[in-house]
């Protein structure tokens, strides 16, 4: 009954064709899932281009509107590329999955940490340990709302500290979107200082 009233007051529209009813209608879902993911990159691997309007809309719906059905749809497509990603992880000899954490203020405001959710899901699919290595000790403004210069300035004094690290381990660092790479580079520097032998990057999208 509650879900009926929620749908009545806040109707959903397909992010592909704008037909009312669901976040991604049957036809758009089939078309989108039929196009395979080509994991791109070497040290940085990503599943979607942020220019993909459906992927971008689903990510925004999950991240900013807290619509978990969007995350379910992203996982459904990501599942197709797990064998390829598993081969990459095996060839790299990756030991542990970790993520770029939100500051506690942002996490409390949002209610969840999207990078952690991605890392937990991938760790299960790739049969790897997931460990929270980084702590974001310094609050920074939303990166998406800053220019490249502002991003670099805000990350000049690293907002991250490391914990729970093991020497010489190879790490897969997870975040949701790669824009300039500033955040990931700042995070990886801290991980290297903690004793990691190599850090690779995975993001849902590259923009």
N, C-alpha and C. Protein backbone atom coordinates (compact mmCIF):
# COMPACT_ATOMS: atom_id res chain seq x y z
N UNK A 1 0.83 -1.20 0.00
CA UNK A 1 0.00 0.00 0.00
C UNK A 1 0.87 1.26 0.00
N UNK A 2 1.94 1.23 0.84
CA UNK A 2 2.82 2.40 0.93
C UNK A 2 3.48 2.67 -0.42
N UNK A 3 3.96 1.60 -1.09
CA UNK A 3 4.63 1.78 -2.38
C UNK A 3 3.66 2.33 -3.42
N UNK A 4 2.36 1.97 -3.32
CA UNK A 4 1.37 2.49 -4.25
C UNK A 4 1.26 4.01 -4.12
N UNK A 5 1.18 4.48 -2.87
CA UNK A 5 1.06 5.93 -2.64
C UNK A 5 2.33 6.67 -3.06
N UNK A 6 3.50 6.05 -2.81
CA UNK A 6 4.76 6.68 -3.22
C UNK A 6 4.80 6.85 -4.73
N UNK A 7 4.41 5.79 -5.45
CA UNK A 7 4.39 5.86 -6.93
C UNK A 7 3.37 6.88 -7.42
N UNK A 8 2.25 7.00 -6.69
CA UNK A 8 1.21 7.95 -7.11
C UNK A 8 1.66 9.40 -6.94
N UNK A 9 2.36 9.66 -5.83
CA UNK A 9 2.81 11.03 -5.54
C UNK A 9 4.09 11.36 -6.30
N UNK A 10 5.00 10.37 -6.40
CA UNK A 10 6.27 10.56 -7.08
C UNK A 10 6.41 9.54 -8.21
N UNK A 11 5.71 9.74 -9.32
CA UNK A 11 5.75 8.75 -10.41
C UNK A 11 7.15 8.65 -11.02
N UNK A 12 7.48 7.46 -11.48
CA UNK A 12 8.78 7.22 -12.11
C UNK A 12 8.63 7.35 -13.62
N UNK A 13 9.70 7.85 -14.23
CA UNK A 13 9.75 7.96 -15.68
C UNK A 13 11.03 7.30 -16.18
N UNK A 14 10.92 6.57 -17.26
CA UNK A 14 12.07 5.88 -17.84
C UNK A 14 13.16 6.90 -18.20
N UNK A 15 14.39 6.64 -17.79
CA UNK A 15 15.49 7.56 -18.09
C UNK A 15 15.90 7.49 -19.56
N UNK A 16 15.39 6.47 -20.26
CA UNK A 16 15.70 6.35 -21.68
C UNK A 16 14.71 7.05 -22.59
N UNK A 17 13.41 6.80 -22.36
CA UNK A 17 12.39 7.33 -23.28
C UNK A 17 11.36 8.21 -22.59
N UNK A 18 11.46 8.35 -21.26
CA UNK A 18 10.56 9.19 -20.46
C UNK A 18 9.14 8.66 -20.34
N UNK A 19 8.91 7.41 -20.68
CA UNK A 19 7.59 6.80 -20.47
C UNK A 19 7.39 6.58 -18.97
N UNK A 20 6.20 6.90 -18.49
CA UNK A 20 5.94 6.75 -17.06
C UNK A 20 5.78 5.28 -16.69
N UNK A 21 6.27 4.93 -15.51
CA UNK A 21 6.07 3.58 -15.02
C UNK A 21 7.24 3.02 -14.24
N UNK A 22 8.45 3.15 -14.77
CA UNK A 22 9.62 2.62 -14.09
C UNK A 22 10.86 3.41 -14.48
N UNK A 23 11.93 3.20 -13.74
CA UNK A 23 13.17 3.94 -13.98
C UNK A 23 13.76 3.60 -15.34
N UNK A 24 13.55 2.37 -15.79
CA UNK A 24 14.01 1.95 -17.12
C UNK A 24 12.97 0.98 -17.65
N UNK A 25 12.25 1.39 -18.67
CA UNK A 25 11.16 0.56 -19.20
C UNK A 25 11.72 -0.71 -19.84
N UNK A 26 10.85 -1.65 -20.11
CA UNK A 26 11.28 -2.94 -20.65
C UNK A 26 12.07 -2.83 -21.93
N UNK A 27 11.61 -2.02 -22.88
CA UNK A 27 12.29 -1.89 -24.17
C UNK A 27 13.67 -1.24 -24.00
N UNK A 28 13.73 -0.16 -23.24
CA UNK A 28 15.01 0.54 -23.04
C UNK A 28 15.99 -0.34 -22.26
N UNK A 29 15.46 -1.09 -21.29
CA UNK A 29 16.31 -1.99 -20.51
C UNK A 29 16.91 -3.06 -21.41
N UNK A 30 16.08 -3.66 -22.27
CA UNK A 30 16.58 -4.70 -23.18
C UNK A 30 17.64 -4.15 -24.13
N UNK A 31 17.36 -2.97 -24.69
CA UNK A 31 18.32 -2.35 -25.61
C UNK A 31 19.64 -2.03 -24.92
N UNK A 32 19.55 -1.50 -23.70
CA UNK A 32 20.75 -1.11 -22.97
C UNK A 32 21.58 -2.32 -22.55
N UNK A 33 20.89 -3.36 -22.09
CA UNK A 33 21.61 -4.57 -21.65
C UNK A 33 22.21 -5.34 -22.83
N UNK A 34 21.62 -5.18 -24.01
CA UNK A 34 22.13 -5.90 -25.18
C UNK A 34 23.48 -5.37 -25.65
N UNK A 35 23.80 -4.13 -25.31
CA UNK A 35 25.10 -3.56 -25.69
C UNK A 35 26.11 -3.97 -24.63
N UNK A 36 27.10 -4.79 -24.98
CA UNK A 36 28.03 -5.30 -23.97
C UNK A 36 28.93 -4.22 -23.39
N UNK A 37 29.37 -4.44 -22.16
CA UNK A 37 30.36 -3.56 -21.54
C UNK A 37 31.74 -3.94 -22.06
N UNK A 38 32.48 -2.97 -22.50
CA UNK A 38 33.88 -3.18 -22.87
C UNK A 38 34.73 -2.49 -21.81
N UNK A 39 35.21 -3.26 -20.85
CA UNK A 39 36.04 -2.68 -19.80
C UNK A 39 37.24 -2.00 -20.43
N UNK A 40 37.43 -0.73 -20.08
CA UNK A 40 38.48 0.06 -20.72
C UNK A 40 39.55 0.43 -19.71
N UNK A 41 40.76 0.64 -20.21
CA UNK A 41 41.85 1.10 -19.38
C UNK A 41 42.82 0.01 -19.02
N UNK A 42 43.93 0.41 -18.45
CA UNK A 42 44.96 -0.54 -18.01
C UNK A 42 45.09 -0.47 -16.48
N UNK A 43 45.71 0.62 -15.99
CA UNK A 43 45.77 0.77 -14.54
C UNK A 43 44.44 1.26 -13.99
N UNK A 44 43.70 1.98 -14.81
CA UNK A 44 42.36 2.44 -14.43
C UNK A 44 41.34 1.73 -15.31
N UNK A 45 40.50 0.92 -14.69
CA UNK A 45 39.47 0.18 -15.42
C UNK A 45 38.11 0.76 -15.06
N UNK A 46 37.26 0.95 -16.06
CA UNK A 46 35.93 1.48 -15.79
C UNK A 46 34.92 0.78 -16.69
N UNK A 47 33.67 0.77 -16.24
CA UNK A 47 32.61 0.06 -16.96
C UNK A 47 31.84 0.93 -17.93
N UNK A 48 31.57 2.19 -17.55
CA UNK A 48 30.72 3.06 -18.36
C UNK A 48 31.42 4.38 -18.65
N UNK A 49 31.09 4.95 -19.78
CA UNK A 49 31.45 6.34 -20.03
C UNK A 49 30.35 7.21 -19.44
N UNK A 50 30.73 8.28 -18.75
CA UNK A 50 29.73 9.15 -18.14
C UNK A 50 28.87 9.83 -19.20
N UNK A 51 29.35 9.80 -20.45
CA UNK A 51 28.57 10.36 -21.56
C UNK A 51 27.39 9.46 -21.93
N UNK A 52 27.39 8.21 -21.46
CA UNK A 52 26.26 7.31 -21.70
C UNK A 52 25.07 7.85 -20.89
N UNK A 53 24.03 8.37 -21.56
CA UNK A 53 22.95 9.04 -20.82
C UNK A 53 22.21 8.12 -19.86
N UNK A 54 22.06 6.85 -20.20
CA UNK A 54 21.35 5.94 -19.31
C UNK A 54 22.19 5.62 -18.08
N UNK A 55 23.46 5.29 -18.29
CA UNK A 55 24.34 5.00 -17.15
C UNK A 55 24.44 6.22 -16.23
N UNK A 56 24.60 7.40 -16.82
CA UNK A 56 24.71 8.63 -16.02
C UNK A 56 23.43 8.89 -15.23
N UNK A 57 22.28 8.72 -15.89
CA UNK A 57 21.00 8.95 -15.21
C UNK A 57 20.78 7.96 -14.07
N UNK A 58 21.16 6.70 -14.29
CA UNK A 58 21.00 5.69 -13.24
C UNK A 58 21.92 5.99 -12.06
N UNK A 59 23.15 6.40 -12.34
CA UNK A 59 24.08 6.72 -11.28
C UNK A 59 23.58 7.91 -10.46
N UNK A 60 23.06 8.92 -11.13
CA UNK A 60 22.54 10.10 -10.44
C UNK A 60 21.29 9.76 -9.62
N UNK A 61 20.44 8.88 -10.17
CA UNK A 61 19.23 8.47 -9.46
C UNK A 61 19.58 7.74 -8.18
N UNK A 62 20.61 6.92 -8.24
CA UNK A 62 21.06 6.17 -7.06
C UNK A 62 21.75 7.10 -6.05
N UNK A 63 22.68 7.92 -6.56
CA UNK A 63 23.53 8.73 -5.69
C UNK A 63 22.80 9.91 -5.05
N UNK A 64 21.94 10.56 -5.82
CA UNK A 64 21.32 11.80 -5.34
C UNK A 64 19.84 11.67 -4.99
N UNK A 65 19.15 10.69 -5.63
CA UNK A 65 17.73 10.49 -5.32
C UNK A 65 17.50 9.25 -4.49
N UNK A 66 18.60 8.54 -4.17
CA UNK A 66 18.55 7.37 -3.28
C UNK A 66 17.64 6.27 -3.82
N UNK A 67 17.62 6.12 -5.13
CA UNK A 67 16.80 5.10 -5.78
C UNK A 67 17.64 3.84 -5.97
N UNK A 68 17.43 2.86 -5.10
CA UNK A 68 18.28 1.66 -5.13
C UNK A 68 17.97 0.75 -6.31
N UNK A 69 16.84 0.95 -6.96
CA UNK A 69 16.57 0.17 -8.17
C UNK A 69 17.55 0.55 -9.28
N UNK A 70 18.07 1.79 -9.23
CA UNK A 70 19.07 2.21 -10.21
C UNK A 70 20.36 1.43 -10.02
N UNK A 71 20.76 1.22 -8.78
CA UNK A 71 21.96 0.42 -8.48
C UNK A 71 21.75 -1.03 -8.92
N UNK A 72 20.54 -1.55 -8.75
CA UNK A 72 20.25 -2.91 -9.21
C UNK A 72 20.42 -3.03 -10.73
N UNK A 73 19.97 -2.02 -11.47
CA UNK A 73 20.11 -2.04 -12.93
C UNK A 73 21.57 -1.94 -13.35
N UNK A 74 22.34 -1.10 -12.67
CA UNK A 74 23.77 -1.00 -12.98
C UNK A 74 24.48 -2.33 -12.71
N UNK A 75 24.15 -2.96 -11.60
CA UNK A 75 24.76 -4.26 -11.28
C UNK A 75 24.39 -5.32 -12.31
N UNK A 76 23.15 -5.26 -12.78
CA UNK A 76 22.70 -6.24 -13.77
C UNK A 76 23.57 -6.18 -15.02
N UNK A 77 23.92 -4.97 -15.44
CA UNK A 77 24.78 -4.85 -16.62
C UNK A 77 26.23 -5.15 -16.29
N UNK A 78 26.70 -4.72 -15.13
CA UNK A 78 28.08 -4.98 -14.73
C UNK A 78 28.37 -6.47 -14.61
N UNK A 79 27.34 -7.23 -14.23
CA UNK A 79 27.49 -8.69 -14.06
C UNK A 79 28.02 -9.34 -15.33
N UNK A 80 27.62 -8.81 -16.47
CA UNK A 80 28.01 -9.39 -17.76
C UNK A 80 29.52 -9.35 -17.95
N UNK A 81 30.17 -8.31 -17.40
CA UNK A 81 31.61 -8.12 -17.61
C UNK A 81 32.46 -8.67 -16.47
N UNK A 82 31.85 -9.32 -15.49
CA UNK A 82 32.62 -9.84 -14.36
C UNK A 82 33.72 -10.82 -14.79
N UNK A 83 33.48 -11.75 -15.74
CA UNK A 83 34.57 -12.64 -16.15
C UNK A 83 35.80 -11.90 -16.68
N UNK A 84 35.57 -10.82 -17.44
CA UNK A 84 36.69 -10.04 -17.97
C UNK A 84 37.42 -9.33 -16.83
N UNK A 85 36.66 -8.75 -15.91
CA UNK A 85 37.27 -8.06 -14.78
C UNK A 85 38.01 -9.05 -13.88
N UNK A 86 37.47 -10.25 -13.74
CA UNK A 86 38.13 -11.29 -12.95
C UNK A 86 39.47 -11.68 -13.55
N UNK A 87 39.53 -11.74 -14.87
CA UNK A 87 40.80 -12.05 -15.55
C UNK A 87 41.82 -10.95 -15.31
N UNK A 88 41.37 -9.70 -15.37
CA UNK A 88 42.24 -8.56 -15.10
C UNK A 88 42.80 -8.63 -13.68
N UNK A 89 41.93 -8.92 -12.71
CA UNK A 89 42.33 -8.99 -11.31
C UNK A 89 43.33 -10.12 -11.09
N UNK A 90 43.08 -11.27 -11.75
CA UNK A 90 44.00 -12.39 -11.62
C UNK A 90 45.36 -12.10 -12.21
N UNK A 91 45.38 -11.48 -13.39
CA UNK A 91 46.65 -11.15 -14.04
C UNK A 91 47.44 -10.13 -13.23
N UNK A 92 46.75 -9.21 -12.57
CA UNK A 92 47.42 -8.18 -11.77
C UNK A 92 47.83 -8.70 -10.40
N UNK A 93 47.28 -9.82 -9.99
CA UNK A 93 47.62 -10.38 -8.68
C UNK A 93 47.08 -9.56 -7.53
N UNK A 94 45.91 -8.97 -7.71
CA UNK A 94 45.33 -8.09 -6.70
C UNK A 94 44.95 -8.89 -5.45
N UNK A 95 45.28 -8.31 -4.28
CA UNK A 95 45.04 -8.98 -3.00
C UNK A 95 43.78 -8.50 -2.29
N UNK A 96 43.47 -7.23 -2.45
CA UNK A 96 42.40 -6.66 -1.63
C UNK A 96 41.68 -5.54 -2.39
N UNK A 97 40.39 -5.41 -2.11
CA UNK A 97 39.58 -4.33 -2.67
C UNK A 97 39.33 -3.31 -1.56
N UNK A 98 39.49 -2.03 -1.89
CA UNK A 98 39.13 -0.97 -0.95
C UNK A 98 38.46 0.15 -1.73
N UNK A 99 38.16 1.25 -1.09
CA UNK A 99 37.36 2.28 -1.74
C UNK A 99 37.73 3.67 -1.22
N UNK A 100 37.33 4.69 -1.99
CA UNK A 100 37.50 6.08 -1.58
C UNK A 100 36.30 6.47 -0.74
N UNK A 101 36.48 6.67 0.56
CA UNK A 101 35.32 6.90 1.44
C UNK A 101 34.82 8.33 1.41
N UNK A 102 33.55 8.48 1.71
CA UNK A 102 32.97 9.80 1.95
C UNK A 102 33.38 10.28 3.34
N UNK A 103 33.40 11.58 3.52
CA UNK A 103 33.54 12.11 4.87
C UNK A 103 32.28 11.75 5.65
N UNK A 104 32.43 11.57 6.95
CA UNK A 104 31.27 11.13 7.77
C UNK A 104 30.09 12.10 7.68
N UNK A 105 30.36 13.40 7.48
CA UNK A 105 29.26 14.36 7.35
C UNK A 105 28.44 14.07 6.10
N UNK A 106 29.14 13.83 4.97
CA UNK A 106 28.43 13.52 3.72
C UNK A 106 27.74 12.17 3.81
N UNK A 107 28.41 11.21 4.44
CA UNK A 107 27.80 9.88 4.55
C UNK A 107 26.53 9.95 5.40
N UNK A 108 26.57 10.67 6.49
CA UNK A 108 25.39 10.80 7.34
C UNK A 108 24.26 11.51 6.61
N UNK A 109 24.63 12.49 5.78
CA UNK A 109 23.63 13.23 5.01
C UNK A 109 22.98 12.34 3.96
N UNK A 110 23.80 11.54 3.28
CA UNK A 110 23.30 10.69 2.20
C UNK A 110 22.70 9.39 2.72
N UNK A 111 23.28 8.88 3.79
CA UNK A 111 22.78 7.64 4.36
C UNK A 111 23.53 6.41 3.91
N UNK A 112 24.41 6.54 2.94
CA UNK A 112 25.21 5.41 2.48
C UNK A 112 26.42 5.96 1.73
N UNK A 113 27.40 5.08 1.52
CA UNK A 113 28.61 5.44 0.79
C UNK A 113 28.62 4.63 -0.50
N UNK A 114 28.39 5.28 -1.64
CA UNK A 114 28.24 4.56 -2.90
C UNK A 114 29.51 3.80 -3.29
N UNK A 115 30.69 4.37 -3.01
CA UNK A 115 31.94 3.67 -3.35
C UNK A 115 32.08 2.39 -2.54
N UNK A 116 31.67 2.44 -1.28
CA UNK A 116 31.72 1.24 -0.44
C UNK A 116 30.77 0.17 -0.95
N UNK A 117 29.58 0.58 -1.38
CA UNK A 117 28.61 -0.37 -1.92
C UNK A 117 29.19 -1.07 -3.16
N UNK A 118 29.83 -0.29 -4.03
CA UNK A 118 30.44 -0.86 -5.24
C UNK A 118 31.54 -1.84 -4.86
N UNK A 119 32.39 -1.43 -3.91
CA UNK A 119 33.52 -2.26 -3.49
C UNK A 119 33.05 -3.57 -2.87
N UNK A 120 32.02 -3.50 -2.03
CA UNK A 120 31.50 -4.72 -1.40
C UNK A 120 30.95 -5.69 -2.43
N UNK A 121 30.22 -5.15 -3.40
CA UNK A 121 29.63 -6.01 -4.43
C UNK A 121 30.72 -6.65 -5.29
N UNK A 122 31.70 -5.85 -5.70
CA UNK A 122 32.77 -6.38 -6.54
C UNK A 122 33.62 -7.40 -5.79
N UNK A 123 33.88 -7.15 -4.52
CA UNK A 123 34.70 -8.08 -3.74
C UNK A 123 34.06 -9.47 -3.70
N UNK A 124 32.74 -9.51 -3.54
CA UNK A 124 32.03 -10.79 -3.54
C UNK A 124 32.13 -11.45 -4.91
N UNK A 125 31.88 -10.67 -5.97
CA UNK A 125 31.90 -11.22 -7.32
C UNK A 125 33.29 -11.70 -7.73
N UNK A 126 34.33 -11.02 -7.24
CA UNK A 126 35.71 -11.35 -7.61
C UNK A 126 36.39 -12.26 -6.60
N UNK A 127 35.65 -12.63 -5.55
CA UNK A 127 36.17 -13.50 -4.49
C UNK A 127 37.45 -12.92 -3.89
N UNK A 128 37.37 -11.64 -3.51
CA UNK A 128 38.50 -10.95 -2.90
C UNK A 128 38.09 -10.39 -1.53
N UNK A 129 39.09 -10.14 -0.71
CA UNK A 129 38.83 -9.48 0.56
C UNK A 129 38.50 -8.01 0.31
N UNK A 130 37.51 -7.49 1.03
CA UNK A 130 37.21 -6.06 0.99
C UNK A 130 37.57 -5.50 2.36
N UNK A 131 38.44 -4.48 2.36
CA UNK A 131 38.89 -3.90 3.62
C UNK A 131 38.86 -2.38 3.53
N UNK A 132 38.36 -1.72 4.57
CA UNK A 132 38.34 -0.26 4.61
C UNK A 132 39.73 0.23 5.01
N UNK A 133 40.49 0.67 4.02
CA UNK A 133 41.87 1.10 4.26
C UNK A 133 41.95 2.60 4.53
N UNK A 134 41.11 3.38 3.88
CA UNK A 134 41.21 4.83 3.96
C UNK A 134 40.16 5.43 4.89
N UNK A 135 40.54 6.52 5.53
CA UNK A 135 39.62 7.35 6.30
C UNK A 135 39.71 8.76 5.73
N UNK A 136 38.56 9.35 5.44
CA UNK A 136 38.56 10.74 4.96
C UNK A 136 38.44 11.65 6.19
N UNK A 137 39.56 12.19 6.62
CA UNK A 137 39.61 12.97 7.85
C UNK A 137 39.28 14.44 7.63
N UNK A 138 39.34 14.87 6.38
CA UNK A 138 39.12 16.28 6.06
C UNK A 138 37.92 16.41 5.14
N UNK A 139 37.03 17.34 5.47
CA UNK A 139 35.84 17.57 4.66
C UNK A 139 36.22 18.40 3.43
N UNK A 140 35.80 17.95 2.25
CA UNK A 140 36.03 18.71 1.02
C UNK A 140 34.70 18.91 0.31
N UNK A 141 34.60 19.95 -0.48
CA UNK A 141 33.39 20.22 -1.24
C UNK A 141 33.18 19.15 -2.30
N UNK A 142 31.94 19.00 -2.75
CA UNK A 142 31.63 18.03 -3.79
C UNK A 142 32.51 18.27 -5.01
N UNK A 143 33.24 17.24 -5.44
CA UNK A 143 34.18 17.38 -6.54
C UNK A 143 33.49 17.73 -7.85
N UNK A 144 32.28 17.22 -8.03
CA UNK A 144 31.56 17.46 -9.29
C UNK A 144 31.22 18.93 -9.49
N UNK A 145 31.22 19.70 -8.41
CA UNK A 145 30.85 21.11 -8.50
C UNK A 145 32.08 22.03 -8.55
N UNK A 146 33.27 21.44 -8.67
CA UNK A 146 34.48 22.24 -8.69
C UNK A 146 35.18 22.14 -10.04
N UNK A 147 35.93 23.18 -10.37
CA UNK A 147 36.75 23.14 -11.58
C UNK A 147 37.97 22.27 -11.32
N UNK A 148 38.70 21.94 -12.39
CA UNK A 148 39.90 21.12 -12.24
C UNK A 148 40.89 21.76 -11.27
N UNK A 149 41.08 23.07 -11.38
CA UNK A 149 42.02 23.77 -10.50
C UNK A 149 41.55 23.71 -9.05
N UNK A 150 40.24 23.91 -8.84
CA UNK A 150 39.70 23.85 -7.48
C UNK A 150 39.85 22.46 -6.88
N UNK A 151 39.66 21.42 -7.71
CA UNK A 151 39.82 20.05 -7.22
C UNK A 151 41.24 19.82 -6.73
N UNK A 152 42.21 20.24 -7.55
CA UNK A 152 43.61 20.03 -7.18
C UNK A 152 43.96 20.79 -5.90
N UNK A 153 43.44 22.00 -5.76
CA UNK A 153 43.72 22.79 -4.55
C UNK A 153 43.11 22.14 -3.32
N UNK A 154 41.88 21.64 -3.45
CA UNK A 154 41.19 21.06 -2.30
C UNK A 154 41.86 19.76 -1.85
N UNK A 155 42.59 19.12 -2.76
CA UNK A 155 43.24 17.85 -2.43
C UNK A 155 44.75 17.99 -2.23
N UNK A 156 45.24 19.25 -2.25
CA UNK A 156 46.68 19.49 -2.10
C UNK A 156 47.19 18.90 -0.80
N UNK A 157 46.50 19.21 0.31
CA UNK A 157 46.79 18.56 1.59
C UNK A 157 45.82 17.40 1.70
N UNK A 158 46.34 16.19 1.55
CA UNK A 158 45.48 15.02 1.42
C UNK A 158 44.45 14.92 2.54
N UNK A 159 43.18 14.69 2.18
CA UNK A 159 42.14 14.53 3.20
C UNK A 159 42.10 13.11 3.76
N UNK A 160 42.99 12.23 3.25
CA UNK A 160 42.92 10.82 3.61
C UNK A 160 44.00 10.40 4.61
N UNK A 161 43.66 9.40 5.41
CA UNK A 161 44.62 8.70 6.26
C UNK A 161 44.39 7.20 6.03
N UNK A 162 45.45 6.43 6.22
CA UNK A 162 45.32 4.98 5.99
C UNK A 162 45.30 4.22 7.31
N UNK A 163 44.72 3.02 7.25
CA UNK A 163 44.65 2.13 8.40
C UNK A 163 44.51 0.71 7.86
N UNK A 164 44.70 -0.25 8.73
CA UNK A 164 44.46 -1.67 8.38
C UNK A 164 45.21 -2.11 7.13
N UNK A 165 46.39 -1.55 6.89
CA UNK A 165 47.15 -1.94 5.71
C UNK A 165 48.13 -3.05 6.00
N UNK A 166 48.45 -3.81 4.97
CA UNK A 166 49.46 -4.85 5.05
C UNK A 166 50.54 -4.53 4.03
N UNK A 167 51.75 -4.77 4.39
CA UNK A 167 52.88 -4.43 3.53
C UNK A 167 52.88 -5.25 2.24
N UNK A 168 53.27 -4.60 1.18
CA UNK A 168 53.49 -5.24 -0.13
C UNK A 168 52.23 -5.82 -0.76
N UNK A 169 51.07 -5.42 -0.32
CA UNK A 169 49.87 -5.95 -0.96
C UNK A 169 49.48 -5.11 -2.18
N UNK A 170 48.77 -5.75 -3.09
CA UNK A 170 48.31 -5.10 -4.31
C UNK A 170 46.83 -4.78 -4.15
N UNK A 171 46.49 -3.52 -4.41
CA UNK A 171 45.19 -2.99 -4.02
C UNK A 171 44.38 -2.55 -5.24
N UNK A 172 43.09 -2.88 -5.25
CA UNK A 172 42.16 -2.34 -6.23
C UNK A 172 41.34 -1.28 -5.52
N UNK A 173 41.52 -0.03 -5.92
CA UNK A 173 40.87 1.11 -5.28
C UNK A 173 39.61 1.49 -6.07
N UNK A 174 38.50 1.60 -5.39
CA UNK A 174 37.19 1.78 -6.02
C UNK A 174 36.62 3.17 -5.74
N UNK A 175 36.02 3.77 -6.77
CA UNK A 175 35.21 4.96 -6.60
C UNK A 175 34.11 4.92 -7.65
N UNK A 176 33.16 5.85 -7.58
CA UNK A 176 32.04 5.78 -8.53
C UNK A 176 32.37 6.44 -9.87
N UNK A 177 32.95 7.65 -9.85
CA UNK A 177 33.22 8.36 -11.10
C UNK A 177 34.65 8.89 -11.12
N UNK A 178 35.31 8.74 -12.25
CA UNK A 178 36.62 9.33 -12.48
C UNK A 178 36.43 10.55 -13.38
N UNK A 179 36.75 11.71 -12.86
CA UNK A 179 36.64 12.94 -13.66
C UNK A 179 38.03 13.38 -14.11
N UNK A 180 38.83 13.87 -13.17
CA UNK A 180 40.22 14.24 -13.49
C UNK A 180 41.21 13.25 -12.91
N UNK A 181 40.76 12.42 -12.00
CA UNK A 181 41.66 11.49 -11.33
C UNK A 181 42.29 12.05 -10.07
N UNK A 182 42.02 13.31 -9.75
CA UNK A 182 42.66 13.96 -8.59
C UNK A 182 42.38 13.21 -7.29
N UNK A 183 41.13 12.84 -7.08
CA UNK A 183 40.77 12.17 -5.83
C UNK A 183 41.44 10.81 -5.73
N UNK A 184 41.42 10.05 -6.81
CA UNK A 184 42.02 8.72 -6.79
C UNK A 184 43.54 8.80 -6.59
N UNK A 185 44.18 9.76 -7.23
CA UNK A 185 45.62 9.91 -7.06
C UNK A 185 45.96 10.28 -5.62
N UNK A 186 45.18 11.19 -5.04
CA UNK A 186 45.43 11.59 -3.64
C UNK A 186 45.25 10.40 -2.71
N UNK A 187 44.22 9.59 -2.96
CA UNK A 187 43.97 8.41 -2.13
C UNK A 187 45.06 7.37 -2.31
N UNK A 188 45.50 7.15 -3.55
CA UNK A 188 46.50 6.11 -3.79
C UNK A 188 47.86 6.47 -3.20
N UNK A 189 48.19 7.76 -3.15
CA UNK A 189 49.45 8.19 -2.53
C UNK A 189 49.51 7.76 -1.07
N UNK A 190 48.38 7.90 -0.39
CA UNK A 190 48.32 7.51 1.01
C UNK A 190 48.45 6.00 1.15
N UNK A 191 47.83 5.27 0.23
CA UNK A 191 47.91 3.80 0.27
C UNK A 191 49.35 3.34 0.00
N UNK A 192 50.01 3.99 -0.95
CA UNK A 192 51.41 3.65 -1.21
C UNK A 192 52.29 3.93 0.01
N UNK A 193 52.04 5.06 0.66
CA UNK A 193 52.81 5.39 1.87
C UNK A 193 52.59 4.36 2.97
N UNK A 194 51.41 3.74 2.95
CA UNK A 194 51.11 2.71 3.94
C UNK A 194 51.75 1.37 3.64
N UNK A 195 52.42 1.27 2.49
CA UNK A 195 53.17 0.05 2.21
C UNK A 195 52.69 -0.79 1.05
N UNK A 196 51.65 -0.35 0.32
CA UNK A 196 51.17 -1.13 -0.82
C UNK A 196 52.24 -1.19 -1.90
N UNK A 197 52.32 -2.32 -2.60
CA UNK A 197 53.29 -2.45 -3.68
C UNK A 197 52.73 -1.94 -5.00
N UNK A 198 51.41 -1.96 -5.17
CA UNK A 198 50.78 -1.48 -6.40
C UNK A 198 49.32 -1.16 -6.15
N UNK A 199 48.85 -0.11 -6.80
CA UNK A 199 47.44 0.27 -6.70
C UNK A 199 46.86 0.37 -8.10
N UNK A 200 45.75 -0.33 -8.31
CA UNK A 200 44.98 -0.19 -9.54
C UNK A 200 43.67 0.52 -9.21
N UNK A 201 43.02 1.05 -10.24
CA UNK A 201 41.80 1.83 -10.02
C UNK A 201 40.63 1.22 -10.78
N UNK A 202 39.46 1.21 -10.13
CA UNK A 202 38.23 0.86 -10.82
C UNK A 202 37.18 1.90 -10.47
N UNK A 203 36.49 2.42 -11.48
CA UNK A 203 35.33 3.30 -11.26
C UNK A 203 34.18 2.80 -12.13
N UNK A 204 32.96 3.07 -11.67
CA UNK A 204 31.80 2.73 -12.49
C UNK A 204 31.87 3.44 -13.82
N UNK A 205 32.25 4.73 -13.77
CA UNK A 205 32.24 5.53 -15.00
C UNK A 205 33.45 6.44 -15.06
N UNK A 206 33.76 6.83 -16.28
CA UNK A 206 34.80 7.83 -16.52
C UNK A 206 34.15 8.99 -17.27
N UNK A 207 34.36 10.22 -16.74
CA UNK A 207 33.70 11.35 -17.36
C UNK A 207 34.68 12.38 -17.88
